[in-house]
């Protein structure tokens, strides 16, 4: 936001993605099932907090497994975005 409106800025190309914890022997035969990146909130520091979620379906047991990662994006004076902090959600 530039005070009177919003300016378009691009996020980094390679945003972090969560690690999915599979039971032993179930991590090999999986397929992507869903997920995405969701903005959560603007922080007082001017950083943007986001959540990244990946879902995988195990063909071995038919169950879906999910990983969630939260991270912040900071912006420099030229409005270039970069990943600042990241943390895995605890299950």
PDB file of N, CA and C in Angstrom:
ATOM      1  N   UNK A   1       0.852  -1.168   0.000  1.00  0.00           N
ATOM      2  CA  UNK A   1       0.000   0.000   0.000  1.00  0.00           C
ATOM      3  C   UNK A   1       0.897   1.229   0.000  1.00  0.00           C
ATOM      4  N   UNK A   2       0.565   2.210  -0.823  1.00  0.00           N
ATOM      5  CA  UNK A   2       1.415   3.403  -0.938  1.00  0.00           C
ATOM      6  C   UNK A   2       0.807   4.619  -0.259  1.00  0.00           C
ATOM      7  N   UNK A   3      -0.136   4.438   0.636  1.00  0.00           N
ATOM      8  CA  UNK A   3      -0.758   5.553   1.337  1.00  0.00           C
ATOM      9  C   UNK A   3      -2.138   5.867   0.819  1.00  0.00           C
ATOM     10  N   UNK A   4      -2.329   5.835  -0.503  1.00  0.00           N
ATOM     11  CA  UNK A   4      -3.644   6.147  -1.068  1.00  0.00           C
ATOM     12  C   UNK A   4      -4.213   4.985  -1.881  1.00  0.00           C
ATOM     13  N   UNK A   5      -3.437   3.935  -2.046  1.00  0.00           N
ATOM     14  CA  UNK A   5      -3.896   2.792  -2.827  1.00  0.00           C
ATOM     15  C   UNK A   5      -2.886   1.675  -2.747  1.00  0.00           C
ATOM     16  N   UNK A   6      -3.085   0.671  -3.544  1.00  0.00           N
ATOM     17  CA  UNK A   6      -2.187  -0.472  -3.550  1.00  0.00           C
ATOM     18  C   UNK A   6      -1.376  -0.491  -4.832  1.00  0.00           C
ATOM     19  N   UNK A   7      -0.092  -0.808  -4.709  1.00  0.00           N
ATOM     20  CA  UNK A   7       0.781  -1.008  -5.855  1.00  0.00           C
ATOM     21  C   UNK A   7       0.973  -2.503  -6.053  1.00  0.00           C
ATOM     22  N   UNK A   8       1.014  -2.942  -7.296  1.00  0.00           N
ATOM     23  CA  UNK A   8       1.236  -4.345  -7.596  1.00  0.00           C
ATOM     24  C   UNK A   8       2.711  -4.674  -7.394  1.00  0.00           C
ATOM     25  N   UNK A   9       2.982  -5.723  -6.615  1.00  0.00           N
ATOM     26  CA  UNK A   9       4.338  -6.224  -6.440  1.00  0.00           C
ATOM     27  C   UNK A   9       4.307  -7.728  -6.662  1.00  0.00           C
ATOM     28  N   UNK A  10       5.429  -8.283  -7.057  1.00  0.00           N
ATOM     29  CA  UNK A  10       5.517  -9.707  -7.314  1.00  0.00           C
ATOM     30  C   UNK A  10       6.156 -10.421  -6.139  1.00  0.00           C
ATOM     31  N   UNK A  11       5.606 -11.576  -5.792  1.00  0.00           N
ATOM     32  CA  UNK A  11       6.187 -12.390  -4.743  1.00  0.00           C
ATOM     33  C   UNK A  11       7.382 -13.154  -5.320  1.00  0.00           C
ATOM     34  N   UNK A  12       8.282 -13.615  -4.460  1.00  0.00           N
ATOM     35  CA  UNK A  12       9.404 -14.419  -4.950  1.00  0.00           C
ATOM     36  C   UNK A  12       8.885 -15.655  -5.702  1.00  0.00           C
ATOM     37  N   UNK A  13       9.636 -16.084  -6.706  1.00  0.00           N
ATOM     38  CA  UNK A  13       9.203 -17.211  -7.530  1.00  0.00           C
ATOM     39  C   UNK A  13       9.154 -18.523  -6.760  1.00  0.00           C
ATOM     40  N   UNK A  14      10.141 -18.776  -5.936  1.00  0.00           N
ATOM     41  CA  UNK A  14      10.217 -20.048  -5.222  1.00  0.00           C
ATOM     42  C   UNK A  14       9.810 -19.866  -3.764  1.00  0.00           C
ATOM     43  N   UNK A  15       8.506 -19.819  -3.531  1.00  0.00           N
ATOM     44  CA  UNK A  15       8.018 -19.698  -2.160  1.00  0.00           C
ATOM     45  C   UNK A  15       8.248 -21.024  -1.432  1.00  0.00           C
ATOM     46  N   UNK A  16       8.492 -20.970  -0.126  1.00  0.00           N
ATOM     47  CA  UNK A  16       8.726 -22.211   0.613  1.00  0.00           C
ATOM     48  C   UNK A  16       7.473 -23.085   0.640  1.00  0.00           C
ATOM     49  N   UNK A  17       7.681 -24.371   0.693  1.00  0.00           N
ATOM     50  CA  UNK A  17       6.557 -25.306   0.802  1.00  0.00           C
ATOM     51  C   UNK A  17       6.813 -26.231   1.983  1.00  0.00           C
ATOM     52  N   UNK A  18       5.747 -26.719   2.587  1.00  0.00           N
ATOM     53  CA  UNK A  18       5.897 -27.540   3.789  1.00  0.00           C
ATOM     54  C   UNK A  18       6.412 -28.941   3.486  1.00  0.00           C
ATOM     55  N   UNK A  19       6.953 -29.552   4.510  1.00  0.00           N
ATOM     56  CA  UNK A  19       7.317 -30.969   4.443  1.00  0.00           C
ATOM     57  C   UNK A  19       6.130 -31.766   4.962  1.00  0.00           C
ATOM     58  N   UNK A  20       5.828 -32.834   4.303  1.00  0.00           N
ATOM     59  CA  UNK A  20       4.732 -33.695   4.738  1.00  0.00           C
ATOM     60  C   UNK A  20       5.342 -34.915   5.409  1.00  0.00           C
ATOM     61  N   UNK A  21       4.843 -35.228   6.603  1.00  0.00           N
ATOM     62  CA  UNK A  21       5.339 -36.384   7.343  1.00  0.00           C
ATOM     63  C   UNK A  21       4.453 -37.587   7.023  1.00  0.00           C
ATOM     64  N   UNK A  22       5.054 -38.562   6.351  1.00  0.00           N
ATOM     65  CA  UNK A  22       4.342 -39.783   5.993  1.00  0.00           C
ATOM     66  C   UNK A  22       4.748 -40.904   6.946  1.00  0.00           C
ATOM     67  N   UNK A  23       3.840 -41.856   7.184  1.00  0.00           N
ATOM     68  CA  UNK A  23       4.256 -43.054   7.917  1.00  0.00           C
ATOM     69  C   UNK A  23       5.322 -43.794   7.104  1.00  0.00           C
ATOM     70  N   UNK A  24       6.163 -44.519   7.784  1.00  0.00           N
ATOM     71  CA  UNK A  24       7.246 -45.241   7.109  1.00  0.00           C
ATOM     72  C   UNK A  24       6.677 -46.137   6.013  1.00  0.00           C
ATOM     73  N   UNK A  25       7.241 -46.018   4.813  1.00  0.00           N
ATOM     74  CA  UNK A  25       6.836 -46.839   3.687  1.00  0.00           C
ATOM     75  C   UNK A  25       5.690 -46.267   2.871  1.00  0.00           C
ATOM     76  N   UNK A  26       5.114 -45.141   3.266  1.00  0.00           N
ATOM     77  CA  UNK A  26       3.963 -44.565   2.554  1.00  0.00           C
ATOM     78  C   UNK A  26       4.339 -43.349   1.715  1.00  0.00           C
ATOM     79  N   UNK A  27       5.598 -42.923   1.741  1.00  0.00           N
ATOM     80  CA  UNK A  27       5.981 -41.689   1.059  1.00  0.00           C
ATOM     81  C   UNK A  27       6.294 -41.870  -0.424  1.00  0.00           C
ATOM     82  N   UNK A  28       6.416 -43.083  -0.909  1.00  0.00           N
ATOM     83  CA  UNK A  28       6.842 -43.291  -2.288  1.00  0.00           C
ATOM     84  C   UNK A  28       5.745 -43.266  -3.327  1.00  0.00           C
ATOM     85  N   UNK A  29       4.567 -43.734  -2.996  1.00  0.00           N
ATOM     86  CA  UNK A  29       3.490 -43.879  -3.972  1.00  0.00           C
ATOM     87  C   UNK A  29       2.387 -42.866  -3.679  1.00  0.00           C
ATOM     88  N   UNK A  30       2.690 -41.572  -3.884  1.00  0.00           N
ATOM     89  CA  UNK A  30       1.748 -40.498  -3.562  1.00  0.00           C
ATOM     90  C   UNK A  30       1.509 -39.621  -4.784  1.00  0.00           C
ATOM     91  N   UNK A  31       0.392 -38.908  -4.748  1.00  0.00           N
ATOM     92  CA  UNK A  31       0.115 -37.938  -5.812  1.00  0.00           C
ATOM     93  C   UNK A  31      -0.397 -36.651  -5.185  1.00  0.00           C
ATOM     94  N   UNK A  32      -0.097 -35.500  -5.813  1.00  0.00           N
ATOM     95  CA  UNK A  32      -0.596 -34.224  -5.295  1.00  0.00           C
ATOM     96  C   UNK A  32      -2.123 -34.241  -5.237  1.00  0.00           C
ATOM     97  N   UNK A  33      -2.654 -33.676  -4.143  1.00  0.00           N
ATOM     98  CA  UNK A  33      -4.085 -33.753  -3.909  1.00  0.00           C
ATOM     99  C   UNK A  33      -4.716 -32.377  -3.725  1.00  0.00           C
ATOM    100  N   UNK A  34      -3.912 -31.379  -3.403  1.00  0.00           N
ATOM    101  CA  UNK A  34      -4.457 -30.032  -3.192  1.00  0.00           C
ATOM    102  C   UNK A  34      -3.488 -29.166  -2.422  1.00  0.00           C
ATOM    103  N   UNK A  35      -3.957 -27.992  -2.075  1.00  0.00           N
ATOM    104  CA  UNK A  35      -3.142 -27.064  -1.309  1.00  0.00           C
ATOM    105  C   UNK A  35      -3.019 -25.724  -2.010  1.00  0.00           C
ATOM    106  N   UNK A  36      -2.144 -24.892  -1.493  1.00  0.00           N
ATOM    107  CA  UNK A  36      -1.924 -23.579  -2.072  1.00  0.00           C
ATOM    108  C   UNK A  36      -1.386 -22.615  -1.036  1.00  0.00           C
ATOM    109  N   UNK A  37      -1.164 -21.380  -1.471  1.00  0.00           N
ATOM    110  CA  UNK A  37      -0.655 -20.319  -0.601  1.00  0.00           C
ATOM    111  C   UNK A  37      -1.794 -19.354  -0.306  1.00  0.00           C
ATOM    112  N   UNK A  38      -1.956 -19.013   0.977  1.00  0.00           N
ATOM    113  CA  UNK A  38      -3.035 -18.128   1.418  1.00  0.00           C
ATOM    114  C   UNK A  38      -2.461 -16.971   2.230  1.00  0.00           C
ATOM    115  N   UNK A  39      -2.801 -15.728   1.891  1.00  0.00           N
ATOM    116  CA  UNK A  39      -2.374 -14.612   2.743  1.00  0.00           C
ATOM    117  C   UNK A  39      -3.145 -14.658   4.057  1.00  0.00           C
ATOM    118  N   UNK A  40      -2.453 -14.401   5.168  1.00  0.00           N
ATOM    119  CA  UNK A  40      -3.087 -14.440   6.485  1.00  0.00           C
ATOM    120  C   UNK A  40      -3.319 -13.049   7.054  1.00  0.00           C
ATOM    121  N   UNK A  41      -2.263 -12.221   7.093  1.00  0.00           N
ATOM    122  CA  UNK A  41      -2.420 -10.884   7.670  1.00  0.00           C
ATOM    123  C   UNK A  41      -1.192 -10.032   7.402  1.00  0.00           C
ATOM    124  N   UNK A  42      -1.410  -8.721   7.452  1.00  0.00           N
ATOM    125  CA  UNK A  42      -0.305  -7.766   7.417  1.00  0.00           C
ATOM    126  C   UNK A  42       0.164  -7.562   8.849  1.00  0.00           C
ATOM    127  N   UNK A  43       1.442  -7.612   9.062  1.00  0.00           N
ATOM    128  CA  UNK A  43       2.009  -7.378  10.383  1.00  0.00           C
ATOM    129  C   UNK A  43       2.312  -5.891  10.551  1.00  0.00           C
ATOM    130  N   UNK A  44       2.415  -5.437  11.797  1.00  0.00           N
ATOM    131  CA  UNK A  44       2.706  -4.021  12.062  1.00  0.00           C
ATOM    132  C   UNK A  44       4.026  -3.588  11.442  1.00  0.00           C
ATOM    133  N   UNK A  45       4.939  -4.537  11.249  1.00  0.00           N
ATOM    134  CA  UNK A  45       6.247  -4.241  10.665  1.00  0.00           C
ATOM    135  C   UNK A  45       6.158  -3.972   9.160  1.00  0.00           C
ATOM    136  N   UNK A  46       4.983  -4.226   8.553  1.00  0.00           N
ATOM    137  CA  UNK A  46       4.819  -4.060   7.117  1.00  0.00           C
ATOM    138  C   UNK A  46       5.039  -5.348   6.344  1.00  0.00           C
ATOM    139  N   UNK A  47       5.361  -6.426   7.059  1.00  0.00           N
ATOM    140  CA  UNK A  47       5.553  -7.726   6.420  1.00  0.00           C
ATOM    141  C   UNK A  47       4.201  -8.405   6.226  1.00  0.00           C
ATOM    142  N   UNK A  48       4.152  -9.302   5.272  1.00  0.00           N
ATOM    143  CA  UNK A  48       2.948 -10.062   4.973  1.00  0.00           C
ATOM    144  C   UNK A  48       3.141 -11.488   5.449  1.00  0.00           C
ATOM    145  N   UNK A  49       2.209 -11.987   6.267  1.00  0.00           N
ATOM    146  CA  UNK A  49       2.259 -13.369   6.739  1.00  0.00           C
ATOM    147  C   UNK A  49       1.384 -14.228   5.829  1.00  0.00           C
ATOM    148  N   UNK A  50       1.937 -15.354   5.380  1.00  0.00           N
ATOM    149  CA  UNK A  50       1.227 -16.269   4.490  1.00  0.00           C
ATOM    150  C   UNK A  50       1.279 -17.685   5.042  1.00  0.00           C
ATOM    151  N   UNK A  51       0.404 -18.529   4.525  1.00  0.00           N
ATOM    152  CA  UNK A  51       0.385 -19.945   4.870  1.00  0.00           C
ATOM    153  C   UNK A  51       0.459 -20.746   3.577  1.00  0.00           C
ATOM    154  N   UNK A  52       1.311 -21.762   3.571  1.00  0.00           N
ATOM    155  CA  UNK A  52       1.429 -22.654   2.428  1.00  0.00           C
ATOM    156  C   UNK A  52       1.009 -24.049   2.875  1.00  0.00           C
ATOM    157  N   UNK A  53       0.098 -24.654   2.135  1.00  0.00           N
ATOM    158  CA  UNK A  53      -0.407 -25.988   2.484  1.00  0.00           C
ATOM    159  C   UNK A  53      -0.267 -26.907   1.280  1.00  0.00           C
ATOM    160  N   UNK A  54       0.245 -28.096   1.512  1.00  0.00           N
ATOM    161  CA  UNK A  54       0.322 -29.134   0.485  1.00  0.00           C
ATOM    162  C   UNK A  54      -0.405 -30.363   0.997  1.00  0.00           C
ATOM    163  N   UNK A  55      -1.153 -30.995   0.104  1.00  0.00           N
ATOM    164  CA  UNK A  55      -1.832 -32.246   0.433  1.00  0.00           C
ATOM    165  C   UNK A  55      -1.415 -33.297  -0.582  1.00  0.00           C
ATOM    166  N   UNK A  56      -1.122 -34.489  -0.086  1.00  0.00           N
ATOM    167  CA  UNK A  56      -0.749 -35.606  -0.937  1.00  0.00           C
ATOM    168  C   UNK A  56      -1.636 -36.796  -0.582  1.00  0.00           C
ATOM    169  N   UNK A  57      -2.005 -37.541  -1.607  1.00  0.00           N
ATOM    170  CA  UNK A  57      -2.818 -38.743  -1.419  1.00  0.00           C
ATOM    171  C   UNK A  57      -1.917 -39.954  -1.596  1.00  0.00           C
ATOM    172  N   UNK A  58      -1.911 -40.821  -0.595  1.00  0.00           N
ATOM    173  CA  UNK A  58      -1.126 -42.048  -0.668  1.00  0.00           C
ATOM    174  C   UNK A  58      -1.935 -43.100  -1.414  1.00  0.00           C
ATOM    175  N   UNK A  59      -1.362 -43.623  -2.463  1.00  0.00           N
ATOM    176  CA  UNK A  59      -2.032 -44.689  -3.213  1.00  0.00           C
ATOM    177  C   UNK A  59      -1.964 -46.014  -2.456  1.00  0.00           C
ATOM    178  N   UNK A  60      -1.050 -46.115  -1.501  1.00  0.00           N
ATOM    179  CA  UNK A  60      -0.903 -47.349  -0.739  1.00  0.00           C
ATOM    180  C   UNK A  60      -2.026 -47.564   0.264  1.00  0.00           C
ATOM    181  N   UNK A  61      -2.423 -46.494   0.970  1.00  0.00           N
ATOM    182  CA  UNK A  61      -3.457 -46.659   1.992  1.00  0.00           C
ATOM    183  C   UNK A  61      -4.704 -45.803   1.757  1.00  0.00           C
ATOM    184  N   UNK A  62      -4.726 -44.991   0.682  1.00  0.00           N
ATOM    185  CA  UNK A  62      -5.901 -44.174   0.360  1.00  0.00           C
ATOM    186  C   UNK A  62      -6.092 -42.979   1.273  1.00  0.00           C
ATOM    187  N   UNK A  63      -5.144 -42.684   2.129  1.00  0.00           N
ATOM    188  CA  UNK A  63      -5.264 -41.556   3.059  1.00  0.00           C
ATOM    189  C   UNK A  63      -4.586 -40.327   2.479  1.00  0.00           C
ATOM    190  N   UNK A  64      -5.071 -39.143   2.884  1.00  0.00           N
ATOM    191  CA  UNK A  64      -4.411 -37.905   2.488  1.00  0.00           C
ATOM    192  C   UNK A  64      -3.564 -37.411   3.655  1.00  0.00           C
ATOM    193  N   UNK A  65      -2.430 -36.818   3.304  1.00  0.00           N
ATOM    194  CA  UNK A  65      -1.488 -36.289   4.280  1.00  0.00           C
ATOM    195  C   UNK A  65      -1.243 -34.823   3.941  1.00  0.00           C
ATOM    196  N   UNK A  66      -1.213 -33.987   4.993  1.00  0.00           N
ATOM    197  CA  UNK A  66      -1.120 -32.546   4.802  1.00  0.00           C
ATOM    198  C   UNK A  66       0.082 -31.980   5.551  1.00  0.00           C
ATOM    199  N   UNK A  67       0.730 -31.016   4.932  1.00  0.00           N
ATOM    200  CA  UNK A  67       1.781 -30.249   5.583  1.00  0.00           C
ATOM    201  C   UNK A  67       1.441 -28.771   5.475  1.00  0.00           C
ATOM    202  N   UNK A  68       1.687 -28.024   6.546  1.00  0.00           N
ATOM    203  CA  UNK A  68       1.397 -26.593   6.567  1.00  0.00           C
ATOM    204  C   UNK A  68       2.637 -25.848   7.035  1.00  0.00           C
ATOM    205  N   UNK A  69       2.945 -24.781   6.338  1.00  0.00           N
ATOM    206  CA  UNK A  69       4.094 -23.938   6.662  1.00  0.00           C
ATOM    207  C   UNK A  69       3.623 -22.490   6.647  1.00  0.00           C
ATOM    208  N   UNK A  70       3.965 -21.743   7.699  1.00  0.00           N
ATOM    209  CA  UNK A  70       3.675 -20.307   7.704  1.00  0.00           C
ATOM    210  C   UNK A  70       4.975 -19.565   7.485  1.00  0.00           C
ATOM    211  N   UNK A  71       4.913 -18.452   6.769  1.00  0.00           N
ATOM    212  CA  UNK A  71       6.114 -17.667   6.518  1.00  0.00           C
ATOM    213  C   UNK A  71       5.741 -16.210   6.322  1.00  0.00           C
ATOM    214  N   UNK A  72       6.745 -15.351   6.435  1.00  0.00           N
ATOM    215  CA  UNK A  72       6.534 -13.924   6.225  1.00  0.00           C
ATOM    216  C   UNK A  72       7.341 -13.464   5.019  1.00  0.00           C
ATOM    217  N   UNK A  73       6.786 -12.482   4.335  1.00  0.00           N
ATOM    218  CA  UNK A  73       7.430 -11.835   3.206  1.00  0.00           C
ATOM    219  C   UNK A  73       7.730 -10.400   3.628  1.00  0.00           C
ATOM    220  N   UNK A  74       8.970  -9.974   3.413  1.00  0.00           N
ATOM    221  CA  UNK A  74       9.315  -8.568   3.686  1.00  0.00           C
ATOM    222  C   UNK A  74       9.533  -7.860   2.358  1.00  0.00           C
ATOM    223  N   UNK A  75       9.411  -6.557   2.389  1.00  0.00           N
ATOM    224  CA  UNK A  75       9.531  -5.731   1.185  1.00  0.00           C
ATOM    225  C   UNK A  75      10.588  -4.668   1.423  1.00  0.00           C
ATOM    226  N   UNK A  76      11.511  -4.510   0.457  1.00  0.00           N
ATOM    227  CA  UNK A  76      12.534  -3.486   0.597  1.00  0.00           C
ATOM    228  C   UNK A  76      12.001  -2.152   0.063  1.00  0.00           C
ATOM    229  N   UNK A  77      12.838  -1.129   0.058  1.00  0.00           N
ATOM    230  CA  UNK A  77      12.417   0.218  -0.352  1.00  0.00           C
ATOM    231  C   UNK A  77      11.962   0.274  -1.809  1.00  0.00           C
ATOM    232  N   UNK A  78      12.460  -0.642  -2.647  1.00  0.00           N
ATOM    233  CA  UNK A  78      12.046  -0.696  -4.059  1.00  0.00           C
ATOM    234  C   UNK A  78      10.878  -1.675  -4.259  1.00  0.00           C
ATOM    235  N   UNK A  79      10.265  -2.119  -3.156  1.00  0.00           N
ATOM    236  CA  UNK A  79       9.115  -3.015  -3.156  1.00  0.00           C
ATOM    237  C   UNK A  79       9.447  -4.433  -3.611  1.00  0.00           C
ATOM    238  N   UNK A  80      10.731  -4.812  -3.567  1.00  0.00           N
ATOM    239  CA  UNK A  80      11.108  -6.179  -3.895  1.00  0.00           C
ATOM    240  C   UNK A  80      10.809  -7.061  -2.691  1.00  0.00           C
ATOM    241  N   UNK A  81      10.113  -8.185  -2.943  1.00  0.00           N
ATOM    242  CA  UNK A  81       9.704  -9.090  -1.875  1.00  0.00           C
ATOM    243  C   UNK A  81      10.724 -10.196  -1.670  1.00  0.00           C
ATOM    244  N   UNK A  82      10.908 -10.585  -0.416  1.00  0.00           N
ATOM    245  CA  UNK A  82      11.770 -11.728  -0.102  1.00  0.00           C
ATOM    246  C   UNK A  82      11.219 -12.444   1.122  1.00  0.00           C
ATOM    247  N   UNK A  83      11.471 -13.753   1.191  1.00  0.00           N
ATOM    248  CA  UNK A  83      11.020 -14.558   2.324  1.00  0.00           C
ATOM    249  C   UNK A  83      11.911 -14.233   3.509  1.00  0.00           C
ATOM    250  N   UNK A  84      11.281 -13.901   4.646  1.00  0.00           N
ATOM    251  CA  UNK A  84      12.055 -13.523   5.822  1.00  0.00           C
ATOM    252  C   UNK A  84      12.082 -14.644   6.859  1.00  0.00           C
ATOM    253  N   UNK A  85      10.938 -15.071   7.329  1.00  0.00           N
ATOM    254  CA  UNK A  85      10.853 -16.111   8.364  1.00  0.00           C
ATOM    255  C   UNK A  85       9.941 -17.226   7.880  1.00  0.00           C
ATOM    256  N   UNK A  86      10.180 -18.413   8.371  1.00  0.00           N
ATOM    257  CA  UNK A  86       9.292 -19.544   8.081  1.00  0.00           C
ATOM    258  C   UNK A  86       9.274 -20.480   9.272  1.00  0.00           C
ATOM    259  N   UNK A  87       8.125 -21.082   9.491  1.00  0.00           N
ATOM    260  CA  UNK A  87       8.012 -22.056  10.574  1.00  0.00           C
ATOM    261  C   UNK A  87       6.924 -23.065  10.218  1.00  0.00           C
ATOM    262  N   UNK A  88       7.195 -24.330  10.562  1.00  0.00           N
ATOM    263  CA  UNK A  88       6.259 -25.428  10.322  1.00  0.00           C
ATOM    264  C   UNK A  88       5.199 -25.396  11.414  1.00  0.00           C
ATOM    265  N   UNK A  89       3.975 -25.665  11.033  1.00  0.00           N
ATOM    266  CA  UNK A  89       2.918 -25.821  12.034  1.00  0.00           C
ATOM    267  C   UNK A  89       3.096 -27.177  12.699  1.00  0.00           C
ATOM    268  N   UNK A  90       2.909 -27.205  13.987  1.00  0.00           N
ATOM    269  CA  UNK A  90       2.994 -28.472  14.722  1.00  0.00           C
ATOM    270  C   UNK A  90       1.654 -29.184  14.613  1.00  0.00           C
ATOM    271  N   UNK A  91       1.702 -30.484  14.378  1.00  0.00           N
ATOM    272  CA  UNK A  91       0.452 -31.285  14.322  1.00  0.00           C
ATOM    273  C   UNK A  91       0.016 -31.676  15.693  1.00  0.00           C
TER     274      UNK A  91
END
